[in-house]
Amino acid sequence: MTMEPLGSTTIVSSSNHTHNSTGDGSCPWEVSDKAKLCRFLCYGSERDIYTAREERHVSMENAGALLSLLQEGRGTEVVDEIKRFTRDAQAVRLHPSLFALALCSQYSELKTRQAAFKAVKEVCRNPAHLFAFIQYKKELKEGMTCGIWGRALRKAVSDWYNEQDPMNLAAVVTKFKQREGWSHQDLLRLSHTKPANESIALICKYLTKGWKEVQAAYAEKENSQEVIKVLSYLEVVEKVKHSCDETEVINLIEEYKLEREQLLTDHLKSKQVWRALLKEMSLHSVLWTLGKMTSNRILEPGGSATQALCERIQSEAALEKAKIHPFSILLALENYKRGQGYQGKTKWEPNSSILKAMDSAFYTSSMNVEPVGKRFLLAVDVSTSLSSIVPGTSVNTAIAAAAITLIFARTEVDTQVLAYSEGALVPCTVSADMTLAQATTEVVKIPGGSTDCTLPIIWATENGKAVDVFIILTNNPVWTFTASPVEFLQKHREKFGANSKLVMCGLTSTGHALADTEDRGLLSMSGFDLGSFNVIRNLAQGLI
């Protein structure tokens, strides 16, 4: 293996890149039912189009391949894929997996049903997931005479509660009280749950009978240490519900690490209560409530709470613990810069210290992006117009394209960046040590030409650059091709013996197919969000 410089990025060249096996005996470029299932589990559609920030309603219309696999007797294989996508955080959205698991749990084949019910506690990681799974089962049974609450579901739900750590269960059930029209009281009653131990029994009694009955039942009993611990925690949750004393609420938040969902709306009118919550609030939640907290003067210029928060946002240890992706920070940063909520009701004056801290965090958080280890080529066609915004965000397309290229340059050793110039392509000097402002200037300094996604493939092929994944970034709503991109992609694959793939990302498009032919290596994206990185990663690794 040799290292050679290319512009400002380092290129790893190797002769070991060969065609990958799909593992199921099919052609590597065939869009098999298995590939369609993986797309569905990843982003909720079997098609080769990923639509950013869209929470589509999952239905049988989107699950043709899933049904085909079940009918072929491959149900346990489907359940294994559901577990893999949820366990390895490969799914952009979890609802497709919950829907698929619900469907498998009601399929006629016994082995499939058994595998699905066994997977419930692994796939449903919190009560919100469990409620959604139950609701999908209910919807799938619409019009059928039999109900959903058979012995297998009752056992699966009972096991979900019984196999939780008691203190963790006490915390999550008081945060996620109900979702999708279901409550814990409903699930415990319908599943006929028999608690596995005294601590779980205490929580079940609390959820089904209420705090007064718990107090009466446990007042005179000789309780174990664990039961006393759970009892104390639930007592605190109840005390907060009825407390109007600001000092008491703050002390309970700090001592028991209570969260916003466990408080009353009136409590959240207090600045001091917010500042107490802020100490333990997840960094994800912090980033998306900065505007509200600035508007309500919880975070004031030069204040101790603001200073502590800025230190935390920039902390390498805090960012690593929260596993925050740099693009997530960019989205929050641009939203905060905007100074106004999307509904137009909340307004704030962005704090310069917070802006500086978030800018620093963008670069530091690159350590949270695990390299894919493939050869990437990013071709940018973005106009200099700052009025063009990525839908659903406050980020203009020029900054978005620069951020995407910079994240790849900082995390992937083998990254080449190109820019369009009047129908031709030129190398772009985007390097890992650049700032976002420098990268933005670099990618937009050349006027955009037509969006012909074959150009980077031709350039790489003619210049002897083997590429695993081509990524085209454009804000042009019209995509033109001199010829089918598949034809040029196949030539590149043959020349370098590589499983080359192509992602066409329309940063402002509403979603349309990249080509008429079906090729597993082609994918188009409508808009761009945090999930887009997951989709590209899955495609690069041959998972979808």
Protein backbone atom coordinates (compact mmCIF):
# COMPACT_ATOMS: atom_id res chain seq x y z
CA MET A 1 0.00 0.00 0.00
CA THR A 2 1.39 3.43 -0.95
CA MET A 3 0.53 6.96 0.11
CA GLU A 4 0.40 9.75 -2.45
CA PRO A 5 -0.58 13.41 -2.01
CA LEU A 6 -3.48 14.87 -4.00
CA GLY A 7 -4.18 18.56 -3.52
CA SER A 8 -4.54 19.01 0.23
CA THR A 9 -5.93 15.59 1.03
CA THR A 10 -4.16 12.30 1.47
CA ILE A 11 -5.03 9.46 -0.85
CA VAL A 12 -4.61 5.81 0.01
CA SER A 13 -4.15 3.66 -3.07
CA SER A 14 -4.39 -0.08 -2.92
CA SER A 15 -4.77 -2.95 -5.34
CA ASN A 16 -6.89 -4.92 -2.86
CA HIS A 17 -10.25 -3.37 -3.85
CA THR A 18 -12.23 -6.15 -5.49
CA HIS A 19 -15.88 -6.93 -6.04
CA ASN A 20 -17.64 -7.70 -2.79
CA SER A 21 -19.82 -10.70 -2.31
CA THR A 22 -23.41 -9.88 -1.40
CA GLY A 23 -23.60 -12.86 0.89
CA ASP A 24 -26.87 -14.11 -0.62
CA GLY A 25 -25.48 -15.37 -3.93
CA SER A 26 -27.00 -12.55 -6.00
CA CYS A 27 -25.28 -10.19 -8.40
CA PRO A 28 -23.69 -7.34 -6.41
CA TRP A 29 -25.73 -4.74 -8.36
CA GLU A 30 -29.07 -6.53 -8.37
CA VAL A 31 -31.74 -4.80 -6.27
CA SER A 32 -32.90 -7.98 -4.55
CA ASP A 33 -35.76 -8.26 -2.06
CA LYS A 34 -33.12 -8.38 0.69
CA ALA A 35 -31.65 -5.07 -0.53
CA LYS A 36 -35.14 -3.52 -0.64
CA LEU A 37 -35.84 -4.76 2.90
CA CYS A 38 -32.62 -3.14 4.12
CA ARG A 39 -33.57 0.14 2.45
CA PHE A 40 -36.96 -0.05 4.13
CA LEU A 41 -35.43 -0.70 7.55
CA CYS A 42 -32.94 2.11 7.00
CA TYR A 43 -35.27 4.90 5.87
CA GLY A 44 -38.79 3.57 5.39
CA SER A 45 -38.88 3.11 1.61
CA GLU A 46 -37.84 0.33 -0.77
CA ARG A 47 -37.06 2.87 -3.50
CA ASP A 48 -33.61 4.29 -4.26
CA ILE A 49 -34.66 7.76 -3.06
CA TYR A 50 -33.96 9.02 0.45
CA THR A 51 -36.03 12.06 1.45
CA ALA A 52 -34.38 13.98 4.27
CA ARG A 53 -36.34 14.99 7.39
CA GLU A 54 -39.47 13.19 6.23
CA GLU A 55 -41.33 11.06 8.76
CA ARG A 56 -43.49 9.08 6.40
CA HIS A 57 -46.32 6.94 7.72
CA VAL A 58 -45.18 3.34 7.47
CA SER A 59 -47.68 1.07 5.74
CA MET A 60 -47.97 -2.18 3.80
CA GLU A 61 -47.61 -0.19 0.56
CA ASN A 62 -43.94 0.37 1.38
CA ALA A 63 -43.27 -3.22 2.47
CA GLY A 64 -43.60 -5.35 -0.66
CA ALA A 65 -40.17 -6.97 -0.35
CA LEU A 66 -40.75 -7.63 3.36
CA LEU A 67 -43.92 -9.56 2.53
CA SER A 68 -42.17 -11.47 -0.27
CA LEU A 69 -39.39 -12.58 2.08
CA LEU A 70 -41.94 -13.73 4.66
CA GLN A 71 -43.81 -15.72 2.00
CA GLU A 72 -40.52 -17.35 0.95
CA GLY A 73 -40.07 -18.66 4.51
CA ARG A 74 -37.25 -16.19 5.33
CA GLY A 75 -38.98 -14.60 8.31
CA THR A 76 -36.22 -15.33 10.85
CA GLU A 77 -33.75 -13.74 8.44
CA VAL A 78 -35.95 -10.62 8.35
CA VAL A 79 -36.00 -10.47 12.17
CA ASP A 80 -32.19 -10.77 12.23
CA GLU A 81 -31.96 -7.77 9.88
CA ILE A 82 -34.37 -5.78 12.07
CA LYS A 83 -32.18 -6.47 15.12
CA ARG A 84 -28.99 -5.59 13.23
CA PHE A 85 -30.31 -2.27 11.94
CA THR A 86 -31.52 -1.20 15.39
CA ARG A 87 -28.56 -2.58 17.36
CA ASP A 88 -25.88 -1.04 15.15
CA ALA A 89 -27.70 2.31 14.80
CA GLN A 90 -27.89 1.82 11.03
CA ALA A 91 -31.55 2.83 10.84
CA VAL A 92 -32.21 6.52 10.16
CA ARG A 93 -35.73 6.09 11.53
CA LEU A 94 -36.82 3.36 13.93
CA HIS A 95 -40.52 3.21 13.01
CA PRO A 96 -39.98 1.03 9.88
CA SER A 97 -38.21 -1.56 12.06
CA LEU A 98 -41.01 -1.46 14.64
CA PHE A 99 -43.59 -1.89 11.86
CA ALA A 100 -41.62 -4.79 10.34
CA LEU A 101 -41.29 -6.47 13.75
CA ALA A 102 -45.04 -6.10 14.35
CA LEU A 103 -45.73 -7.66 10.95
CA CYS A 104 -43.35 -10.58 11.64
CA SER A 105 -44.98 -11.14 15.05
CA GLN A 106 -48.34 -11.69 13.34
CA TYR A 107 -47.16 -13.83 10.43
CA SER A 108 -48.56 -17.33 10.08
CA GLU A 109 -45.21 -19.17 10.35
CA LEU A 110 -44.47 -20.10 13.98
CA LYS A 111 -40.65 -19.67 13.82
CA THR A 112 -41.04 -16.12 12.47
CA ARG A 113 -43.50 -15.18 15.22
CA GLN A 114 -41.29 -16.68 17.92
CA ALA A 115 -38.20 -14.84 16.64
CA ALA A 116 -40.13 -11.55 16.46
CA PHE A 117 -41.50 -11.75 20.00
CA LYS A 118 -38.07 -12.73 21.33
CA ALA A 119 -36.60 -9.61 19.67
CA VAL A 120 -39.10 -7.16 21.25
CA LYS A 121 -36.94 -6.31 24.29
CA GLU A 122 -33.88 -5.79 22.05
CA VAL A 123 -35.59 -3.61 19.41
CA CYS A 124 -37.88 -1.61 21.74
CA ARG A 125 -35.25 0.22 23.76
CA ASN A 126 -37.64 2.57 25.58
CA PRO A 127 -41.38 2.81 26.31
CA ALA A 128 -42.02 5.01 23.25
CA HIS A 129 -40.75 2.20 21.01
CA LEU A 130 -42.85 -0.37 22.87
CA PHE A 131 -46.00 1.74 22.54
CA ALA A 132 -45.37 2.22 18.80
CA PHE A 133 -44.84 -1.54 18.31
CA ILE A 134 -48.15 -2.30 20.05
CA GLN A 135 -49.97 0.32 17.96
CA TYR A 136 -48.59 -1.14 14.72
CA LYS A 137 -49.84 -4.56 15.82
CA LYS A 138 -53.27 -3.07 16.46
CA GLU A 139 -53.36 -1.37 13.03
CA LEU A 140 -52.25 -4.57 11.27
CA LYS A 141 -55.12 -6.45 12.96
CA GLU A 142 -57.78 -3.94 11.82
CA GLY A 143 -60.77 -5.77 10.35
CA MET A 144 -59.70 -9.16 11.76
CA THR A 145 -61.85 -10.96 14.30
CA CYS A 146 -59.04 -12.02 16.64
CA GLY A 147 -57.32 -9.52 18.93
CA ILE A 148 -53.59 -8.93 19.38
CA TRP A 149 -53.27 -9.93 23.02
CA GLY A 150 -52.40 -13.59 22.71
CA ARG A 151 -50.09 -15.50 25.05
CA ALA A 152 -46.94 -14.63 23.06
CA LEU A 153 -47.50 -10.86 23.16
CA ARG A 154 -48.45 -10.97 26.83
CA LYS A 155 -45.16 -12.75 27.58
CA ALA A 156 -43.11 -10.36 25.40
CA VAL A 157 -44.55 -7.28 27.12
CA SER A 158 -44.19 -8.85 30.59
CA ASP A 159 -40.56 -9.73 29.84
CA TRP A 160 -39.91 -6.15 28.65
CA TYR A 161 -40.90 -4.78 32.07
CA ASN A 162 -39.46 -7.63 34.14
CA GLU A 163 -36.02 -7.58 32.56
CA GLN A 164 -35.40 -3.87 33.13
CA ASP A 165 -33.17 -2.53 35.88
CA PRO A 166 -35.71 -1.31 38.50
CA MET A 167 -34.24 2.19 38.92
CA ASN A 168 -33.96 2.66 35.17
CA LEU A 169 -37.55 1.44 34.74
CA ALA A 170 -38.78 3.87 37.42
CA ALA A 171 -37.10 6.73 35.54
CA VAL A 172 -38.31 5.88 32.02
CA VAL A 173 -41.94 5.12 32.94
CA THR A 174 -42.23 8.50 34.67
CA LYS A 175 -40.76 10.26 31.61
CA PHE A 176 -42.58 8.30 28.87
CA LYS A 177 -46.01 7.99 30.45
CA GLN A 178 -48.03 7.40 27.29
CA ARG A 179 -47.65 7.43 23.51
CA GLU A 180 -49.66 6.37 20.47
CA GLY A 181 -52.84 6.18 22.57
CA TRP A 182 -51.33 3.60 24.95
CA SER A 183 -50.24 3.93 28.58
CA HIS A 184 -48.24 1.68 30.90
CA GLN A 185 -51.45 0.95 32.78
CA ASP A 186 -52.98 -0.39 29.53
CA LEU A 187 -49.98 -2.60 28.75
CA LEU A 188 -49.59 -4.04 32.23
CA ARG A 189 -53.32 -4.77 32.49
CA LEU A 190 -53.62 -6.37 29.03
CA SER A 191 -50.41 -8.40 29.37
CA HIS A 192 -51.38 -9.73 32.83
CA THR A 193 -47.80 -9.03 33.91
CA LYS A 194 -46.61 -10.94 36.96
CA PRO A 195 -43.68 -8.94 38.39
CA ALA A 196 -40.40 -10.85 38.58
CA ASN A 197 -39.31 -9.22 41.84
CA GLU A 198 -40.50 -6.88 44.58
CA SER A 199 -39.00 -3.74 42.98
CA ILE A 200 -40.76 -4.37 39.65
CA ALA A 201 -43.95 -5.19 41.59
CA LEU A 202 -43.72 -1.81 43.31
CA ILE A 203 -43.39 0.02 39.96
CA CYS A 204 -46.26 -1.97 38.43
CA LYS A 205 -48.48 -1.14 41.40
CA TYR A 206 -47.56 2.53 41.08
CA LEU A 207 -48.45 2.54 37.37
CA THR A 208 -51.74 0.65 37.72
CA LYS A 209 -53.04 1.73 41.16
CA GLY A 210 -51.39 5.07 41.82
CA TRP A 211 -49.13 6.53 44.50
CA LYS A 212 -51.65 6.50 47.38
CA GLU A 213 -52.13 2.73 47.17
CA VAL A 214 -48.34 2.25 46.97
CA GLN A 215 -47.90 4.33 50.13
CA ALA A 216 -50.54 2.31 51.96
CA ALA A 217 -49.13 -1.03 50.81
CA TYR A 218 -45.47 -0.34 51.64
CA ALA A 219 -45.76 1.86 54.74
CA GLU A 220 -45.65 -0.98 57.26
CA LYS A 221 -43.62 -3.50 55.25
CA GLU A 222 -40.02 -4.43 55.90
CA ASN A 223 -38.52 -3.51 52.52
CA SER A 224 -35.24 -4.45 50.85
CA GLN A 225 -32.64 -1.77 50.05
CA GLU A 226 -33.55 -1.81 46.38
CA VAL A 227 -37.27 -1.41 47.10
CA ILE A 228 -36.51 1.49 49.46
CA LYS A 229 -34.42 3.12 46.72
CA VAL A 230 -37.22 2.80 44.11
CA LEU A 231 -39.82 3.91 46.66
CA SER A 232 -37.78 7.03 47.48
CA TYR A 233 -37.38 7.90 43.81
CA LEU A 234 -41.13 7.59 43.10
CA GLU A 235 -41.86 9.64 46.21
CA VAL A 236 -39.66 12.42 44.80
CA VAL A 237 -41.44 12.27 41.42
CA GLU A 238 -44.78 12.63 43.23
CA LYS A 239 -43.50 15.39 45.51
CA VAL A 240 -42.34 17.45 42.50
CA LYS A 241 -45.79 17.10 40.92
CA HIS A 242 -47.41 18.84 43.88
CA SER A 243 -44.70 21.31 44.85
CA CYS A 244 -45.01 25.05 44.32
CA ASP A 245 -41.80 25.72 46.23
CA GLU A 246 -39.12 26.72 43.68
CA THR A 247 -36.23 25.96 46.04
CA GLU A 248 -37.58 22.50 46.84
CA VAL A 249 -38.08 21.68 43.14
CA ILE A 250 -34.51 22.80 42.32
CA ASN A 251 -33.05 20.71 45.16
CA LEU A 252 -34.97 17.61 44.03
CA ILE A 253 -33.85 18.10 40.41
CA GLU A 254 -30.22 18.35 41.45
CA GLU A 255 -30.27 15.50 43.95
CA TYR A 256 -32.27 13.00 41.90
CA LYS A 257 -31.33 14.20 38.37
CA LEU A 258 -34.96 14.73 37.41
CA GLU A 259 -35.69 15.70 33.81
CA ARG A 260 -38.00 18.21 32.15
CA GLU A 261 -40.65 15.56 31.32
CA GLN A 262 -41.09 14.82 35.04
CA LEU A 263 -41.93 18.44 35.93
CA LEU A 264 -45.10 20.52 35.70
CA THR A 265 -45.54 23.23 33.05
CA ASP A 266 -45.59 25.86 35.80
CA HIS A 267 -42.14 24.74 37.00
CA LEU A 268 -40.73 25.52 33.55
CA LYS A 269 -41.66 29.19 33.93
CA SER A 270 -38.82 29.53 36.45
CA LYS A 271 -35.34 30.54 35.23
CA GLN A 272 -33.73 28.90 38.26
CA VAL A 273 -35.51 25.59 37.57
CA TRP A 274 -34.24 25.68 33.96
CA ARG A 275 -30.70 26.37 35.18
CA ALA A 276 -30.93 23.36 37.51
CA LEU A 277 -32.16 21.17 34.63
CA LEU A 278 -29.40 22.49 32.40
CA LYS A 279 -26.67 20.92 34.57
CA GLU A 280 -27.76 17.37 33.68
CA MET A 281 -29.65 17.98 30.43
CA SER A 282 -28.32 15.92 27.52
CA LEU A 283 -26.15 17.88 25.10
CA HIS A 284 -28.58 17.00 22.29
CA SER A 285 -31.45 18.63 24.20
CA VAL A 286 -29.28 21.61 25.13
CA LEU A 287 -28.39 22.39 21.51
CA TRP A 288 -32.03 22.43 20.41
CA THR A 289 -33.33 24.53 23.32
CA LEU A 290 -30.64 27.23 23.17
CA GLY A 291 -33.00 29.67 21.44
CA LYS A 292 -35.75 29.20 24.03
CA MET A 293 -33.30 29.52 26.93
CA THR A 294 -31.75 32.66 25.43
CA SER A 295 -35.20 34.15 24.76
CA ASN A 296 -36.30 33.48 28.36
CA ARG A 297 -33.02 34.99 29.67
CA ILE A 298 -32.05 31.73 31.32
CA LEU A 299 -28.79 32.15 29.43
CA GLU A 300 -27.63 35.74 29.79
CA PRO A 301 -24.48 37.34 28.32
CA GLY A 302 -21.62 36.90 30.79
CA GLY A 303 -23.78 34.87 33.20
CA SER A 304 -22.35 31.90 35.10
CA ALA A 305 -24.89 29.50 33.53
CA THR A 306 -23.87 30.70 30.05
CA GLN A 307 -20.17 30.35 30.84
CA ALA A 308 -20.63 26.82 32.23
CA LEU A 309 -22.69 25.84 29.19
CA CYS A 310 -20.08 27.17 26.73
CA GLU A 311 -17.38 25.15 28.50
CA ARG A 312 -19.52 22.04 28.26
CA ILE A 313 -20.37 22.55 24.56
CA GLN A 314 -16.65 22.80 23.75
CA SER A 315 -15.59 19.96 26.04
CA GLU A 316 -14.07 17.06 24.14
CA ALA A 317 -15.16 14.63 26.89
CA ALA A 318 -18.77 15.93 26.85
CA LEU A 319 -18.99 15.76 23.06
CA GLU A 320 -17.54 12.25 23.02
CA LYS A 321 -19.94 11.07 25.72
CA ALA A 322 -22.95 12.51 23.84
CA LYS A 323 -21.65 11.09 20.51
CA ILE A 324 -22.83 14.20 18.70
CA HIS A 325 -22.20 14.35 14.96
CA PRO A 326 -20.67 17.61 13.61
CA PHE A 327 -23.54 18.05 11.14
CA SER A 328 -26.01 17.96 14.05
CA ILE A 329 -24.05 20.81 15.67
CA LEU A 330 -24.10 22.75 12.38
CA LEU A 331 -27.90 22.41 12.11
CA ALA A 332 -28.33 23.64 15.70
CA LEU A 333 -25.79 26.44 15.17
CA GLU A 334 -27.48 27.82 12.04
CA ASN A 335 -30.88 27.53 13.73
CA TYR A 336 -29.59 29.47 16.75
CA LYS A 337 -28.00 32.12 14.49
CA ARG A 338 -31.41 32.68 12.89
CA GLY A 339 -32.72 34.22 16.12
CA GLN A 340 -36.27 33.01 15.60
CA GLY A 341 -38.21 29.77 15.95
CA TYR A 342 -39.81 28.17 12.89
CA GLN A 343 -43.29 29.10 14.08
CA GLY A 344 -42.18 32.72 14.48
CA LYS A 345 -43.34 33.00 18.10
CA THR A 346 -40.03 32.73 19.94
CA LYS A 347 -37.31 35.29 19.16
CA TRP A 348 -33.87 35.81 20.66
CA GLU A 349 -30.62 37.70 20.22
CA PRO A 350 -27.92 35.07 19.56
CA ASN A 351 -25.22 35.09 22.24
CA SER A 352 -21.72 35.55 20.75
CA SER A 353 -20.08 33.27 23.37
CA ILE A 354 -22.51 30.45 22.57
CA LEU A 355 -21.95 30.91 18.82
CA LYS A 356 -18.18 30.70 19.32
CA ALA A 357 -18.52 27.57 21.50
CA MET A 358 -20.75 25.82 18.94
CA ASP A 359 -18.35 26.71 16.12
CA SER A 360 -15.50 25.14 18.11
CA ALA A 361 -17.64 22.06 18.86
CA PHE A 362 -18.29 21.54 15.13
CA TYR A 363 -14.60 20.75 14.56
CA THR A 364 -14.00 18.85 17.82
CA SER A 365 -16.99 16.55 17.26
CA SER A 366 -15.39 15.10 14.10
CA MET A 367 -13.87 12.51 16.44
CA ASN A 368 -17.37 11.04 16.85
CA VAL A 369 -17.57 10.11 13.16
CA GLU A 370 -16.27 6.59 12.65
CA PRO A 371 -14.41 6.38 9.32
CA VAL A 372 -15.99 4.14 6.67
CA GLY A 373 -12.55 3.47 5.15
CA LYS A 374 -13.64 3.84 1.52
CA ARG A 375 -12.40 6.06 -1.31
CA PHE A 376 -14.76 9.05 -1.64
CA LEU A 377 -15.08 11.67 -4.37
CA LEU A 378 -17.35 14.64 -3.63
CA ALA A 379 -18.30 16.88 -6.56
CA VAL A 380 -19.92 20.19 -5.60
CA ASP A 381 -22.29 22.20 -7.78
CA VAL A 382 -23.68 24.91 -5.51
CA SER A 383 -24.53 28.45 -6.54
CA THR A 384 -23.28 31.40 -4.49
CA SER A 385 -26.87 32.48 -3.76
CA LEU A 386 -27.37 32.64 0.01
CA SER A 387 -31.15 32.62 -0.45
CA SER A 388 -31.12 28.91 -1.30
CA ILE A 389 -31.84 26.99 1.92
CA VAL A 390 -31.80 23.25 2.57
CA PRO A 391 -35.49 22.46 3.28
CA GLY A 392 -36.38 21.96 6.94
CA THR A 393 -33.21 23.69 8.16
CA SER A 394 -31.73 27.17 8.53
CA VAL A 395 -28.64 26.16 6.53
CA ASN A 396 -27.97 27.65 3.10
CA THR A 397 -26.82 25.21 0.44
CA ALA A 398 -23.32 26.66 0.10
CA ILE A 399 -22.56 26.16 3.81
CA ALA A 400 -24.21 22.72 3.78
CA ALA A 401 -22.06 21.55 0.85
CA ALA A 402 -18.91 22.96 2.46
CA ALA A 403 -19.72 21.29 5.79
CA ILE A 404 -20.38 17.92 4.15
CA THR A 405 -17.09 18.02 2.21
CA LEU A 406 -15.20 19.20 5.31
CA ILE A 407 -16.64 16.39 7.47
CA PHE A 408 -15.51 13.81 4.89
CA ALA A 409 -12.08 15.48 4.56
CA ARG A 410 -11.64 15.39 8.36
CA THR A 411 -12.82 11.81 8.86
CA GLU A 412 -11.96 9.85 5.69
CA VAL A 413 -8.28 9.53 4.75
CA ASP A 414 -9.11 9.01 1.08
CA THR A 415 -11.26 11.99 0.07
CA GLN A 416 -11.14 13.95 -3.19
CA VAL A 417 -13.20 17.14 -3.65
CA LEU A 418 -14.10 18.58 -7.06
CA ALA A 419 -16.11 21.65 -8.13
CA TYR A 420 -18.17 22.29 -11.27
CA SER A 421 -17.01 25.01 -13.66
CA GLU A 422 -19.06 25.55 -16.81
CA GLY A 423 -19.59 21.88 -17.54
CA ALA A 424 -16.06 20.85 -16.53
CA LEU A 425 -14.61 19.67 -13.21
CA VAL A 426 -11.63 21.01 -11.31
CA PRO A 427 -9.98 19.82 -8.07
CA CYS A 428 -10.97 21.79 -4.98
CA THR A 429 -8.55 22.59 -2.16
CA VAL A 430 -10.65 21.48 0.81
CA SER A 431 -8.46 20.13 3.61
CA ALA A 432 -9.04 18.81 7.11
CA ASP A 433 -7.43 21.83 8.77
CA MET A 434 -9.72 24.38 7.08
CA THR A 435 -12.43 26.32 8.86
CA LEU A 436 -16.01 26.05 7.63
CA ALA A 437 -15.84 29.62 6.30
CA GLN A 438 -12.67 28.79 4.30
CA ALA A 439 -14.24 25.60 2.91
CA THR A 440 -17.40 27.50 1.93
CA THR A 441 -15.35 30.08 0.04
CA GLU A 442 -13.46 27.30 -1.73
CA VAL A 443 -16.48 25.33 -2.96
CA VAL A 444 -18.44 28.34 -4.26
CA LYS A 445 -15.66 30.40 -5.82
CA ILE A 446 -16.30 28.87 -9.23
CA PRO A 447 -19.67 29.53 -10.95
CA GLY A 448 -21.82 26.43 -11.21
CA GLY A 449 -22.37 24.74 -14.54
CA SER A 450 -24.98 22.16 -15.52
CA THR A 451 -25.59 19.32 -13.08
CA ASP A 452 -24.29 16.39 -15.06
CA CYS A 453 -23.48 13.65 -12.57
CA THR A 454 -21.48 11.68 -15.14
CA LEU A 455 -18.70 14.31 -15.18
CA PRO A 456 -16.97 13.30 -11.89
CA ILE A 457 -17.10 9.63 -12.92
CA ILE A 458 -15.52 10.43 -16.29
CA TRP A 459 -12.91 12.67 -14.62
CA ALA A 460 -11.93 9.99 -12.10
CA THR A 461 -11.78 7.26 -14.76
CA GLU A 462 -9.67 9.34 -17.15
CA ASN A 463 -7.33 10.54 -14.37
CA GLY A 464 -6.74 7.07 -12.93
CA LYS A 465 -8.49 7.74 -9.62
CA ALA A 466 -10.26 4.65 -8.25
CA VAL A 467 -13.38 5.68 -6.31
CA ASP A 468 -15.70 3.62 -4.12
CA VAL A 469 -18.38 6.27 -3.59
CA PHE A 470 -19.15 9.30 -5.78
CA ILE A 471 -21.23 11.96 -4.02
CA ILE A 472 -22.71 14.81 -6.08
CA LEU A 473 -23.97 17.84 -4.13
CA THR A 474 -26.16 20.29 -6.01
CA ASN A 475 -28.94 22.82 -5.51
CA ASN A 476 -29.94 22.58 -9.15
CA PRO A 477 -33.49 21.16 -9.39
CA VAL A 478 -32.81 19.82 -12.91
CA TRP A 479 -30.34 16.99 -13.35
CA THR A 480 -28.97 16.48 -16.85
CA PHE A 481 -26.94 13.55 -18.13
CA THR A 482 -24.82 13.31 -21.28
CA ALA A 483 -25.54 9.57 -21.04
CA SER A 484 -26.77 7.11 -18.44
CA PRO A 485 -24.64 7.41 -15.29
CA VAL A 486 -24.85 3.62 -14.95
CA GLU A 487 -22.86 3.17 -18.16
CA PHE A 488 -19.98 5.34 -16.90
CA LEU A 489 -20.17 3.83 -13.42
CA GLN A 490 -19.84 0.32 -14.90
CA LYS A 491 -16.80 1.39 -16.93
CA HIS A 492 -15.20 2.77 -13.77
CA ARG A 493 -15.99 -0.45 -11.89
CA GLU A 494 -14.46 -2.58 -14.64
CA LYS A 495 -11.33 -0.45 -14.97
CA PHE A 496 -10.49 -0.42 -11.25
CA GLY A 497 -12.17 -3.62 -10.05
CA ALA A 498 -14.12 -1.53 -7.56
CA ASN A 499 -17.69 -1.72 -6.27
CA SER A 500 -18.20 1.96 -7.13
CA LYS A 501 -21.44 3.63 -6.07
CA LEU A 502 -23.09 6.95 -6.88
CA VAL A 503 -25.11 9.24 -4.58
CA MET A 504 -26.87 12.16 -6.27
CA CYS A 505 -27.89 14.67 -3.62
CA GLY A 506 -30.26 17.47 -4.58
CA LEU A 507 -29.90 19.76 -1.56
CA THR A 508 -33.12 21.60 -2.47
CA SER A 509 -34.86 18.99 -4.63
CA THR A 510 -38.23 17.38 -3.90
CA GLY A 511 -37.02 13.92 -4.85
CA HIS A 512 -36.74 12.15 -8.16
CA ALA A 513 -35.03 8.99 -9.39
CA LEU A 514 -31.45 9.12 -10.62
CA ALA A 515 -31.86 6.69 -13.49
CA ASP A 516 -34.43 4.36 -15.05
CA THR A 517 -32.29 1.26 -14.67
CA GLU A 518 -32.17 -0.59 -11.37
CA ASP A 519 -28.67 -0.69 -9.93
CA ARG A 520 -28.01 -1.25 -6.24
CA GLY A 521 -25.08 1.15 -6.39
CA LEU A 522 -27.21 4.18 -7.28
CA LEU A 523 -29.08 6.37 -4.80
CA SER A 524 -30.64 9.80 -4.97
CA MET A 525 -31.27 12.11 -2.04
CA SER A 526 -33.83 14.85 -1.66
CA GLY A 527 -32.51 17.44 0.78
CA PHE A 528 -29.86 16.64 3.38
CA ASP A 529 -30.00 15.92 7.11
CA LEU A 530 -28.11 14.01 9.77
CA GLY A 531 -29.66 10.75 8.56
CA SER A 532 -28.11 11.29 5.12
CA PHE A 533 -24.68 10.43 6.56
CA ASN A 534 -26.07 7.13 7.85
CA VAL A 535 -27.61 6.34 4.45
CA ILE A 536 -24.30 7.08 2.65
CA ARG A 537 -22.43 4.97 5.19
CA ASN A 538 -24.82 2.03 4.73
CA LEU A 539 -24.55 2.31 0.93
CA ALA A 540 -20.75 2.50 1.06
CA GLN A 541 -20.60 -0.64 3.22
CA GLY A 542 -23.03 -2.53 0.97
CA LEU A 543 -25.72 -2.74 3.67
CA ILE A 544 -28.55 -1.25 1.57
